Amino acid sequence: EAGKYIPAYIRILEANNLLIDEVALTGESVPVEKNGEII
């Protein structure tokens, strides 16, 4: 949910308007959009 930290390395199965701030890991200054699509 919004306002929560990611507790583990997670494969997203379903998402709705999901934005994650990854500055602590990748240095990206703006939130990154995530989805459950297969890559």
PDB file of all heavy atoms in Angstrom:
ATOM      1  N   GLU A   1       0.835  -1.197   0.000  1.00  0.00           N
ATOM      2  CA  GLU A   1       0.000   0.000   0.000  1.00  0.00           C
ATOM      3  C   GLU A   1       0.868   1.244   0.000  1.00  0.00           C
ATOM      4  O   GLU A   1       2.050   1.199   0.390  1.00  0.00           O
ATOM      5  CB  GLU A   1      -0.913   0.016   1.230  1.00  0.00           C
ATOM      6  CG  GLU A   1      -1.870  -1.157   1.319  1.00  0.00           C
ATOM      7  CD  GLU A   1      -2.656  -1.146   2.609  1.00  0.00           C
ATOM      8  OE1 GLU A   1      -2.202  -0.481   3.566  1.00  0.00           O
ATOM      9  OE2 GLU A   1      -3.729  -1.785   2.666  1.00  0.00           O
ATOM     10  N   ALA A   2       0.274   2.376  -0.411  1.00  0.00           N
ATOM     11  CA  ALA A   2       0.991   3.652  -0.410  1.00  0.00           C
ATOM     12  C   ALA A   2       1.387   4.028   1.011  1.00  0.00           C
ATOM     13  O   ALA A   2       0.626   3.826   1.972  1.00  0.00           O
ATOM     14  CB  ALA A   2       0.109   4.740  -1.010  1.00  0.00           C
ATOM     15  N   GLY A   3       2.615   4.557   1.156  1.00  0.00           N
ATOM     16  CA  GLY A   3       3.109   4.947   2.471  1.00  0.00           C
ATOM     17  C   GLY A   3       3.869   3.851   3.176  1.00  0.00           C
ATOM     18  O   GLY A   3       4.334   4.058   4.308  1.00  0.00           O
ATOM     19  N   LYS A   4       4.035   2.692   2.542  1.00  0.00           N
ATOM     20  CA  LYS A   4       4.723   1.560   3.146  1.00  0.00           C
ATOM     21  C   LYS A   4       6.062   1.315   2.452  1.00  0.00           C
ATOM     22  O   LYS A   4       6.241   1.583   1.267  1.00  0.00           O
ATOM     23  CB  LYS A   4       3.874   0.286   3.051  1.00  0.00           C
ATOM     24  CG  LYS A   4       2.515   0.373   3.740  1.00  0.00           C
ATOM     25  CD  LYS A   4       2.666   0.384   5.253  1.00  0.00           C
ATOM     26  CE  LYS A   4       1.292   0.323   5.926  1.00  0.00           C
ATOM     27  NZ  LYS A   4       1.388   0.326   7.398  1.00  0.00           N
ATOM     28  N   TYR A   5       7.009   0.771   3.233  1.00  0.00           N
ATOM     29  CA  TYR A   5       8.279   0.344   2.663  1.00  0.00           C
ATOM     30  C   TYR A   5       8.144  -1.079   2.120  1.00  0.00           C
ATOM     31  O   TYR A   5       7.405  -1.896   2.677  1.00  0.00           O
ATOM     32  CB  TYR A   5       9.392   0.395   3.712  1.00  0.00           C
ATOM     33  CG  TYR A   5       9.946   1.781   3.922  1.00  0.00           C
ATOM     34  CD1 TYR A   5       9.461   2.581   4.940  1.00  0.00           C
ATOM     35  CD2 TYR A   5      10.958   2.277   3.108  1.00  0.00           C
ATOM     36  CE1 TYR A   5       9.962   3.863   5.141  1.00  0.00           C
ATOM     37  CE2 TYR A   5      11.463   3.555   3.293  1.00  0.00           C
ATOM     38  CZ  TYR A   5      10.963   4.337   4.315  1.00  0.00           C
ATOM     39  OH  TYR A   5      11.451   5.600   4.498  1.00  0.00           O
ATOM     40  N   ILE A   6       8.869  -1.366   1.054  1.00  0.00           N
ATOM     41  CA  ILE A   6       8.858  -2.718   0.495  1.00  0.00           C
ATOM     42  C   ILE A   6       9.648  -3.626   1.445  1.00  0.00           C
ATOM     43  O   ILE A   6      10.826  -3.365   1.712  1.00  0.00           O
ATOM     44  CB  ILE A   6       9.490  -2.746  -0.912  1.00  0.00           C
ATOM     45  CG1 ILE A   6       8.821  -1.712  -1.816  1.00  0.00           C
ATOM     46  CG2 ILE A   6       9.398  -4.141  -1.501  1.00  0.00           C
ATOM     47  CD1 ILE A   6       7.361  -1.945  -2.050  1.00  0.00           C
ATOM     48  N   PRO A   7       9.030  -4.712   1.951  1.00  0.00           N
ATOM     49  CA  PRO A   7       9.697  -5.518   2.977  1.00  0.00           C
ATOM     50  C   PRO A   7      10.665  -6.561   2.439  1.00  0.00           C
ATOM     51  O   PRO A   7      11.429  -7.145   3.206  1.00  0.00           O
ATOM     52  CB  PRO A   7       8.513  -6.202   3.677  1.00  0.00           C
ATOM     53  CG  PRO A   7       7.495  -6.344   2.602  1.00  0.00           C
ATOM     54  CD  PRO A   7       7.646  -5.148   1.717  1.00  0.00           C
ATOM     55  N   ALA A   8      10.612  -6.852   1.122  1.00  0.00           N
ATOM     56  CA  ALA A   8      11.470  -7.886   0.547  1.00  0.00           C
ATOM     57  C   ALA A   8      11.576  -7.649  -0.960  1.00  0.00           C
ATOM     58  O   ALA A   8      11.036  -6.673  -1.494  1.00  0.00           O
ATOM     59  CB  ALA A   8      10.901  -9.276   0.848  1.00  0.00           C
ATOM     60  N   TYR A   9      12.271  -8.544  -1.632  1.00  0.00           N
ATOM     61  CA  TYR A   9      12.366  -8.500  -3.094  1.00  0.00           C
ATOM     62  C   TYR A   9      11.116  -9.178  -3.637  1.00  0.00           C
ATOM     63  O   TYR A   9      10.950 -10.398  -3.493  1.00  0.00           O
ATOM     64  CB  TYR A   9      13.635  -9.221  -3.534  1.00  0.00           C
ATOM     65  CG  TYR A   9      14.004  -9.042  -4.983  1.00  0.00           C
ATOM     66  CD1 TYR A   9      13.632  -7.914  -5.696  1.00  0.00           C
ATOM     67  CD2 TYR A   9      14.749 -10.011  -5.645  1.00  0.00           C
ATOM     68  CE1 TYR A   9      13.984  -7.745  -7.020  1.00  0.00           C
ATOM     69  CE2 TYR A   9      15.114  -9.855  -6.978  1.00  0.00           C
ATOM     70  CZ  TYR A   9      14.719  -8.722  -7.656  1.00  0.00           C
ATOM     71  OH  TYR A   9      15.072  -8.555  -8.978  1.00  0.00           O
ATOM     72  N   ILE A  10      10.226  -8.431  -4.266  1.00  0.00           N
ATOM     73  CA  ILE A  10       8.884  -8.908  -4.571  1.00  0.00           C
ATOM     74  C   ILE A  10       8.608  -8.821  -6.071  1.00  0.00           C
ATOM     75  O   ILE A  10       8.884  -7.800  -6.707  1.00  0.00           O
ATOM     76  CB  ILE A  10       7.829  -8.087  -3.795  1.00  0.00           C
ATOM     77  CG1 ILE A  10       8.020  -8.298  -2.289  1.00  0.00           C
ATOM     78  CG2 ILE A  10       6.420  -8.456  -4.219  1.00  0.00           C
ATOM     79  CD1 ILE A  10       7.113  -7.445  -1.437  1.00  0.00           C
ATOM     80  N   ARG A  11       8.050  -9.919  -6.605  1.00  0.00           N
ATOM     81  CA  ARG A  11       7.560  -9.939  -7.991  1.00  0.00           C
ATOM     82  C   ARG A  11       6.105  -9.468  -7.968  1.00  0.00           C
ATOM     83  O   ARG A  11       5.254 -10.078  -7.331  1.00  0.00           O
ATOM     84  CB  ARG A  11       7.660 -11.351  -8.569  1.00  0.00           C
ATOM     85  CG  ARG A  11       6.873 -11.597  -9.861  1.00  0.00           C
ATOM     86  CD  ARG A  11       7.422 -10.784 -11.014  1.00  0.00           C
ATOM     87  NE  ARG A  11       6.890 -11.252 -12.284  1.00  0.00           N
ATOM     88  CZ  ARG A  11       5.782 -10.794 -12.866  1.00  0.00           C
ATOM     89  NH1 ARG A  11       5.068  -9.846 -12.278  1.00  0.00           N
ATOM     90  NH2 ARG A  11       5.393 -11.285 -14.029  1.00  0.00           N
ATOM     91  N   ILE A  12       5.834  -8.370  -8.649  1.00  0.00           N
ATOM     92  CA  ILE A  12       4.497  -7.787  -8.639  1.00  0.00           C
ATOM     93  C   ILE A  12       3.573  -8.612  -9.526  1.00  0.00           C
ATOM     94  O   ILE A  12       3.878  -8.857 -10.699  1.00  0.00           O
ATOM     95  CB  ILE A  12       4.544  -6.326  -9.115  1.00  0.00           C
ATOM     96  CG1 ILE A  12       5.439  -5.500  -8.179  1.00  0.00           C
ATOM     97  CG2 ILE A  12       3.143  -5.733  -9.159  1.00  0.00           C
ATOM     98  CD1 ILE A  12       5.678  -4.093  -8.661  1.00  0.00           C
ATOM     99  N   LEU A  13       2.449  -9.037  -8.964  1.00  0.00           N
ATOM    100  CA  LEU A  13       1.456  -9.797  -9.701  1.00  0.00           C
ATOM    101  C   LEU A  13       0.319  -8.917 -10.196  1.00  0.00           C
ATOM    102  O   LEU A  13      -0.218  -9.130 -11.280  1.00  0.00           O
ATOM    103  CB  LEU A  13       0.898 -10.923  -8.819  1.00  0.00           C
ATOM    104  CG  LEU A  13       1.922 -11.912  -8.249  1.00  0.00           C
ATOM    105  CD1 LEU A  13       1.233 -12.901  -7.331  1.00  0.00           C
ATOM    106  CD2 LEU A  13       2.667 -12.623  -9.364  1.00  0.00           C
ATOM    107  N   GLU A  14      -0.070  -7.948  -9.397  1.00  0.00           N
ATOM    108  CA  GLU A  14      -1.170  -7.055  -9.733  1.00  0.00           C
ATOM    109  C   GLU A  14      -0.869  -5.688  -9.153  1.00  0.00           C
ATOM    110  O   GLU A  14      -0.396  -5.580  -8.017  1.00  0.00           O
ATOM    111  CB  GLU A  14      -2.487  -7.606  -9.169  1.00  0.00           C
ATOM    112  CG  GLU A  14      -3.707  -6.773  -9.513  1.00  0.00           C
ATOM    113  CD  GLU A  14      -4.970  -7.348  -8.896  1.00  0.00           C
ATOM    114  OE1 GLU A  14      -4.887  -8.422  -8.255  1.00  0.00           O
ATOM    115  OE2 GLU A  14      -6.038  -6.719  -9.045  1.00  0.00           O
ATOM    116  N   ALA A  15      -1.126  -4.634  -9.919  1.00  0.00           N
ATOM    117  CA  ALA A  15      -0.817  -3.283  -9.445  1.00  0.00           C
ATOM    118  C   ALA A  15      -1.832  -2.295  -9.985  1.00  0.00           C
ATOM    119  O   ALA A  15      -2.415  -2.497 -11.056  1.00  0.00           O
ATOM    120  CB  ALA A  15       0.590  -2.872  -9.867  1.00  0.00           C
ATOM    121  N   ASN A  16      -2.023  -1.222  -9.239  1.00  0.00           N
ATOM    122  CA  ASN A  16      -2.931  -0.160  -9.643  1.00  0.00           C
ATOM    123  C   ASN A  16      -2.301   1.192  -9.315  1.00  0.00           C
ATOM    124  O   ASN A  16      -2.129   1.542  -8.150  1.00  0.00           O
ATOM    125  CB  ASN A  16      -4.271  -0.303  -8.919  1.00  0.00           C
ATOM    126  CG  ASN A  16      -5.268   0.768  -9.342  1.00  0.00           C
ATOM    127  OD1 ASN A  16      -5.201   1.307 -10.456  1.00  0.00           O
ATOM    128  ND2 ASN A  16      -6.181   1.120  -8.458  1.00  0.00           N
ATOM    129  N   ASN A  17      -1.907   1.928 -10.363  1.00  0.00           N
ATOM    130  CA  ASN A  17      -1.274   3.249 -10.203  1.00  0.00           C
ATOM    131  C   ASN A  17      -0.108   3.192  -9.217  1.00  0.00           C
ATOM    132  O   ASN A  17       0.049   4.069  -8.367  1.00  0.00           O
ATOM    133  CB  ASN A  17      -2.295   4.293  -9.745  1.00  0.00           C
ATOM    134  CG  ASN A  17      -3.382   4.520 -10.772  1.00  0.00           C
ATOM    135  OD1 ASN A  17      -3.144   4.464 -11.975  1.00  0.00           O
ATOM    136  ND2 ASN A  17      -4.604   4.771 -10.297  1.00  0.00           N
ATOM    137  N   LEU A  18       0.690   2.155  -9.335  1.00  0.00           N
ATOM    138  CA  LEU A  18       1.772   1.945  -8.373  1.00  0.00           C
ATOM    139  C   LEU A  18       3.003   2.766  -8.740  1.00  0.00           C
ATOM    140  O   LEU A  18       3.542   2.645  -9.839  1.00  0.00           O
ATOM    141  CB  LEU A  18       2.143   0.464  -8.318  1.00  0.00           C
ATOM    142  CG  LEU A  18       3.231   0.073  -7.316  1.00  0.00           C
ATOM    143  CD1 LEU A  18       2.783   0.384  -5.887  1.00  0.00           C
ATOM    144  CD2 LEU A  18       3.590  -1.406  -7.453  1.00  0.00           C
ATOM    145  N   LEU A  19       3.439   3.602  -7.806  1.00  0.00           N
ATOM    146  CA  LEU A  19       4.663   4.390  -7.950  1.00  0.00           C
ATOM    147  C   LEU A  19       5.556   4.100  -6.749  1.00  0.00           C
ATOM    148  O   LEU A  19       5.097   4.146  -5.604  1.00  0.00           O
ATOM    149  CB  LEU A  19       4.353   5.885  -8.028  1.00  0.00           C
ATOM    150  CG  LEU A  19       3.558   6.366  -9.242  1.00  0.00           C
ATOM    151  CD1 LEU A  19       3.272   7.853  -9.123  1.00  0.00           C
ATOM    152  CD2 LEU A  19       4.314   6.075 -10.541  1.00  0.00           C
ATOM    153  N   ILE A  20       6.818   3.812  -7.018  1.00  0.00           N
ATOM    154  CA  ILE A  20       7.762   3.460  -5.950  1.00  0.00           C
ATOM    155  C   ILE A  20       8.976   4.373  -6.029  1.00  0.00           C
ATOM    156  O   ILE A  20       9.559   4.567  -7.103  1.00  0.00           O
ATOM    157  CB  ILE A  20       8.201   1.993  -6.067  1.00  0.00           C
ATOM    158  CG1 ILE A  20       6.988   1.061  -5.924  1.00  0.00           C
ATOM    159  CG2 ILE A  20       9.247   1.658  -5.012  1.00  0.00           C
ATOM    160  CD1 ILE A  20       7.328  -0.410  -6.036  1.00  0.00           C
ATOM    161  N   ASP A  21       9.351   4.913  -4.887  1.00  0.00           N
ATOM    162  CA  ASP A  21      10.542   5.756  -4.769  1.00  0.00           C
ATOM    163  C   ASP A  21      11.746   4.851  -4.551  1.00  0.00           C
ATOM    164  O   ASP A  21      11.899   4.253  -3.485  1.00  0.00           O
ATOM    165  CB  ASP A  21      10.366   6.723  -3.596  1.00  0.00           C
ATOM    166  CG  ASP A  21      11.538   7.696  -3.487  1.00  0.00           C
ATOM    167  OD1 ASP A  21      12.478   7.582  -4.294  1.00  0.00           O
ATOM    168  OD2 ASP A  21      11.514   8.555  -2.584  1.00  0.00           O
ATOM    169  N   GLU A  22      12.621   4.750  -5.551  1.00  0.00           N
ATOM    170  CA  GLU A  22      13.775   3.855  -5.497  1.00  0.00           C
ATOM    171  C   GLU A  22      15.092   4.606  -5.321  1.00  0.00           C
ATOM    172  O   GLU A  22      16.158   4.088  -5.641  1.00  0.00           O
ATOM    173  CB  GLU A  22      13.833   3.005  -6.773  1.00  0.00           C
ATOM    174  CG  GLU A  22      12.651   2.073  -6.944  1.00  0.00           C
ATOM    175  CD  GLU A  22      12.750   1.205  -8.189  1.00  0.00           C
ATOM    176  OE1 GLU A  22      13.617   1.515  -9.033  1.00  0.00           O
ATOM    177  OE2 GLU A  22      11.990   0.239  -8.303  1.00  0.00           O
ATOM    178  N   VAL A  23      15.011   5.816  -4.806  1.00  0.00           N
ATOM    179  CA  VAL A  23      16.224   6.628  -4.671  1.00  0.00           C
ATOM    180  C   VAL A  23      17.240   5.968  -3.757  1.00  0.00           C
ATOM    181  O   VAL A  23      18.452   6.117  -3.952  1.00  0.00           O
ATOM    182  CB  VAL A  23      15.854   8.037  -4.153  1.00  0.00           C
ATOM    183  CG1 VAL A  23      15.269   7.970  -2.757  1.00  0.00           C
ATOM    184  CG2 VAL A  23      17.070   8.949  -4.191  1.00  0.00           C
ATOM    185  N   ALA A  24      16.796   5.217  -2.755  1.00  0.00           N
ATOM    186  CA  ALA A  24      17.726   4.583  -1.822  1.00  0.00           C
ATOM    187  C   ALA A  24      18.538   3.481  -2.479  1.00  0.00           C
ATOM    188  O   ALA A  24      19.634   3.152  -2.017  1.00  0.00           O
ATOM    189  CB  ALA A  24      16.964   4.011  -0.632  1.00  0.00           C
ATOM    190  N   LEU A  25      18.029   2.924  -3.588  1.00  0.00           N
ATOM    191  CA  LEU A  25      18.716   1.810  -4.251  1.00  0.00           C
ATOM    192  C   LEU A  25      19.368   2.222  -5.559  1.00  0.00           C
ATOM    193  O   LEU A  25      20.545   1.955  -5.788  1.00  0.00           O
ATOM    194  CB  LEU A  25      17.719   0.675  -4.504  1.00  0.00           C
ATOM    195  CG  LEU A  25      18.285  -0.581  -5.181  1.00  0.00           C
ATOM    196  CD1 LEU A  25      19.340  -1.237  -4.299  1.00  0.00           C
ATOM    197  CD2 LEU A  25      17.170  -1.571  -5.486  1.00  0.00           C
ATOM    198  N   THR A  26      18.599   2.875  -6.432  1.00  0.00           N
ATOM    199  CA  THR A  26      19.109   3.214  -7.761  1.00  0.00           C
ATOM    200  C   THR A  26      19.523   4.661  -7.902  1.00  0.00           C
ATOM    201  O   THR A  26      20.188   5.017  -8.865  1.00  0.00           O
ATOM    202  CB  THR A  26      18.043   2.907  -8.828  1.00  0.00           C
ATOM    203  OG1 THR A  26      16.892   3.740  -8.609  1.00  0.00           O
ATOM    204  CG2 THR A  26      17.610   1.448  -8.752  1.00  0.00           C
ATOM    205  N   GLY A  27      19.097   5.530  -6.953  1.00  0.00           N
ATOM    206  CA  GLY A  27      19.422   6.943  -7.066  1.00  0.00           C
ATOM    207  C   GLY A  27      18.450   7.715  -7.922  1.00  0.00           C
ATOM    208  O   GLY A  27      18.617   8.924  -8.111  1.00  0.00           O
ATOM    209  N   GLU A  28      17.412   7.051  -8.450  1.00  0.00           N
ATOM    210  CA  GLU A  28      16.411   7.724  -9.264  1.00  0.00           C
ATOM    211  C   GLU A  28      15.658   8.729  -8.406  1.00  0.00           C
ATOM    212  O   GLU A  28      15.088   8.383  -7.379  1.00  0.00           O
ATOM    213  CB  GLU A  28      15.443   6.705  -9.856  1.00  0.00           C
ATOM    214  CG  GLU A  28      14.385   7.287 -10.762  1.00  0.00           C
ATOM    215  CD  GLU A  28      14.980   7.941 -12.005  1.00  0.00           C
ATOM    216  OE1 GLU A  28      15.901   7.359 -12.592  1.00  0.00           O
ATOM    217  OE2 GLU A  28      14.526   9.046 -12.356  1.00  0.00           O
ATOM    218  N   SER A  29      15.644   9.990  -8.822  1.00  0.00           N
ATOM    219  CA  SER A  29      15.101  11.055  -7.987  1.00  0.00           C
ATOM    220  C   SER A  29      13.583  11.135  -8.005  1.00  0.00           C
ATOM    221  O   SER A  29      12.982  11.742  -7.126  1.00  0.00           O
ATOM    222  CB  SER A  29      15.687  12.406  -8.412  1.00  0.00           C
ATOM    223  OG  SER A  29      15.383  12.673  -9.768  1.00  0.00           O
ATOM    224  N   VAL A  30      12.946  10.550  -9.015  1.00  0.00           N
ATOM    225  CA  VAL A  30      11.480  10.606  -9.114  1.00  0.00           C
ATOM    226  C   VAL A  30      10.927   9.190  -8.960  1.00  0.00           C
ATOM    227  O   VAL A  30      11.590   8.205  -9.296  1.00  0.00           O
ATOM    228  CB  VAL A  30      11.036  11.204 -10.463  1.00  0.00           C
ATOM    229  CG1 VAL A  30      11.477  12.639 -10.575  1.00  0.00           C
ATOM    230  CG2 VAL A  30      11.580  10.389 -11.631  1.00  0.00           C
ATOM    231  N   PRO A  31       9.701   9.057  -8.434  1.00  0.00           N
ATOM    232  CA  PRO A  31       9.091   7.722  -8.282  1.00  0.00           C
ATOM    233  C   PRO A  31       8.978   7.002  -9.614  1.00  0.00           C
ATOM    234  O   PRO A  31       8.737   7.611 -10.663  1.00  0.00           O
ATOM    235  CB  PRO A  31       7.721   8.028  -7.673  1.00  0.00           C
ATOM    236  CG  PRO A  31       7.892   9.351  -7.000  1.00  0.00           C
ATOM    237  CD  PRO A  31       8.865  10.122  -7.844  1.00  0.00           C
ATOM    238  N   VAL A  32       9.133   5.683  -9.572  1.00  0.00           N
ATOM    239  CA  VAL A  32       9.109   4.851 -10.777  1.00  0.00           C
ATOM    240  C   VAL A  32       7.788   4.103 -10.840  1.00  0.00           C
ATOM    241  O   VAL A  32       7.317   3.551  -9.841  1.00  0.00           O
ATOM    242  CB  VAL A  32      10.281   3.854 -10.766  1.00  0.00           C
ATOM    243  CG1 VAL A  32      10.247   2.973 -12.010  1.00  0.00           C
ATOM    244  CG2 VAL A  32      11.603   4.597 -10.673  1.00  0.00           C
ATOM    245  N   GLU A  33       7.186   4.094 -12.026  1.00  0.00           N
ATOM    246  CA  GLU A  33       5.924   3.378 -12.205  1.00  0.00           C
ATOM    247  C   GLU A  33       6.186   1.878 -12.336  1.00  0.00           C
ATOM    248  O   GLU A  33       7.060   1.447 -13.081  1.00  0.00           O
ATOM    249  CB  GLU A  33       5.199   3.892 -13.451  1.00  0.00           C
ATOM    250  CG  GLU A  33       3.827   3.265 -13.661  1.00  0.00           C
ATOM    251  CD  GLU A  33       3.103   3.833 -14.866  1.00  0.00           C
ATOM    252  OE1 GLU A  33       3.660   4.775 -15.494  1.00  0.00           O
ATOM    253  OE2 GLU A  33       2.013   3.355 -15.171  1.00  0.00           O
ATOM    254  N   LYS A  34       5.395   1.079 -11.617  1.00  0.00           N
ATOM    255  CA  LYS A  34       5.544  -0.364 -11.632  1.00  0.00           C
ATOM    256  C   LYS A  34       4.243  -1.024 -12.084  1.00  0.00           C
ATOM    257  O   LYS A  34       3.155  -0.453 -11.954  1.00  0.00           O
ATOM    258  CB  LYS A  34       5.919  -0.878 -10.236  1.00  0.00           C
ATOM    259  CG  LYS A  34       7.246  -0.349  -9.711  1.00  0.00           C
ATOM    260  CD  LYS A  34       8.430  -1.006 -10.385  1.00  0.00           C
ATOM    261  CE  LYS A  34       9.744  -0.566  -9.770  1.00  0.00           C
ATOM    262  NZ  LYS A  34      10.910  -1.273 -10.325  1.00  0.00           N
ATOM    263  N   ASN A  35       4.363  -2.250 -12.605  1.00  0.00           N
ATOM    264  CA  ASN A  35       3.195  -3.005 -13.047  1.00  0.00           C
ATOM    265  C   ASN A  35       3.471  -4.492 -12.904  1.00  0.00           C
ATOM    266  O   ASN A  35       4.576  -4.899 -12.526  1.00  0.00           O
ATOM    267  CB  ASN A  35       2.838  -2.649 -14.498  1.00  0.00           C
ATOM    268  CG  ASN A  35       4.019  -2.827 -15.429  1.00  0.00           C
ATOM    269  OD1 ASN A  35       4.512  -3.941 -15.614  1.00  0.00           O
ATOM    270  ND2 ASN A  35       4.503  -1.721 -16.002  1.00  0.00           N
ATOM    271  N   GLY A  36       2.465  -5.299 -13.209  1.00  0.00           N
ATOM    272  CA  GLY A  36       2.596  -6.743 -13.072  1.00  0.00           C
ATOM    273  C   GLY A  36       2.820  -7.461 -14.382  1.00  0.00           C
ATOM    274  O   GLY A  36       2.614  -8.685 -14.460  1.00  0.00           O
ATOM    275  N   GLU A  37       3.244  -6.765 -15.416  1.00  0.00           N
ATOM    276  CA  GLU A  37       3.438  -7.385 -16.722  1.00  0.00           C
ATOM    277  C   GLU A  37       4.624  -8.348 -16.723  1.00  0.00           C
ATOM    278  O   GLU A  37       5.563  -8.205 -15.935  1.00  0.00           O
ATOM    279  CB  GLU A  37       3.651  -6.305 -17.784  1.00  0.00           C
ATOM    280  CG  GLU A  37       2.457  -5.385 -17.970  1.00  0.00           C
ATOM    281  CD  GLU A  37       2.716  -4.317 -19.020  1.00  0.00           C
ATOM    282  OE1 GLU A  37       3.837  -4.324 -19.582  1.00  0.00           O
ATOM    283  OE2 GLU A  37       1.821  -3.499 -19.270  1.00  0.00           O
ATOM    284  N   ILE A  38       4.561  -9.307 -17.625  1.00  0.00           N
ATOM    285  CA  ILE A  38       5.630 -10.303 -17.762  1.00  0.00           C
ATOM    286  C   ILE A  38       6.727  -9.742 -18.666  1.00  0.00           C
ATOM    287  O   ILE A  38       6.453  -9.221 -19.749  1.00  0.00           O
ATOM    288  CB  ILE A  38       5.084 -11.622 -18.345  1.00  0.00           C
ATOM    289  CG1 ILE A  38       4.030 -12.218 -17.397  1.00  0.00           C
ATOM    290  CG2 ILE A  38       6.221 -12.611 -18.572  1.00  0.00           C
ATOM    291  CD1 ILE A  38       3.373 -13.467 -17.954  1.00  0.00           C
ATOM    292  N   ILE A  39       7.965  -9.851 -18.231  1.00  0.00           N
ATOM    293  CA  ILE A  39       9.117  -9.395 -19.014  1.00  0.00           C
ATOM    294  C   ILE A  39       9.939 -10.618 -19.386  1.00  0.00           C
ATOM    295  O   ILE A  39      10.391 -11.369 -18.523  1.00  0.00           O
ATOM    296  CB  ILE A  39       9.973  -8.391 -18.206  1.00  0.00           C
ATOM    297  CG1 ILE A  39       9.147  -7.169 -17.818  1.00  0.00           C
ATOM    298  CG2 ILE A  39      11.188  -7.969 -19.026  1.00  0.00           C
ATOM    299  CD1 ILE A  39       9.896  -6.171 -16.975  1.00  0.00           C
TER     300      ILE A  39
END
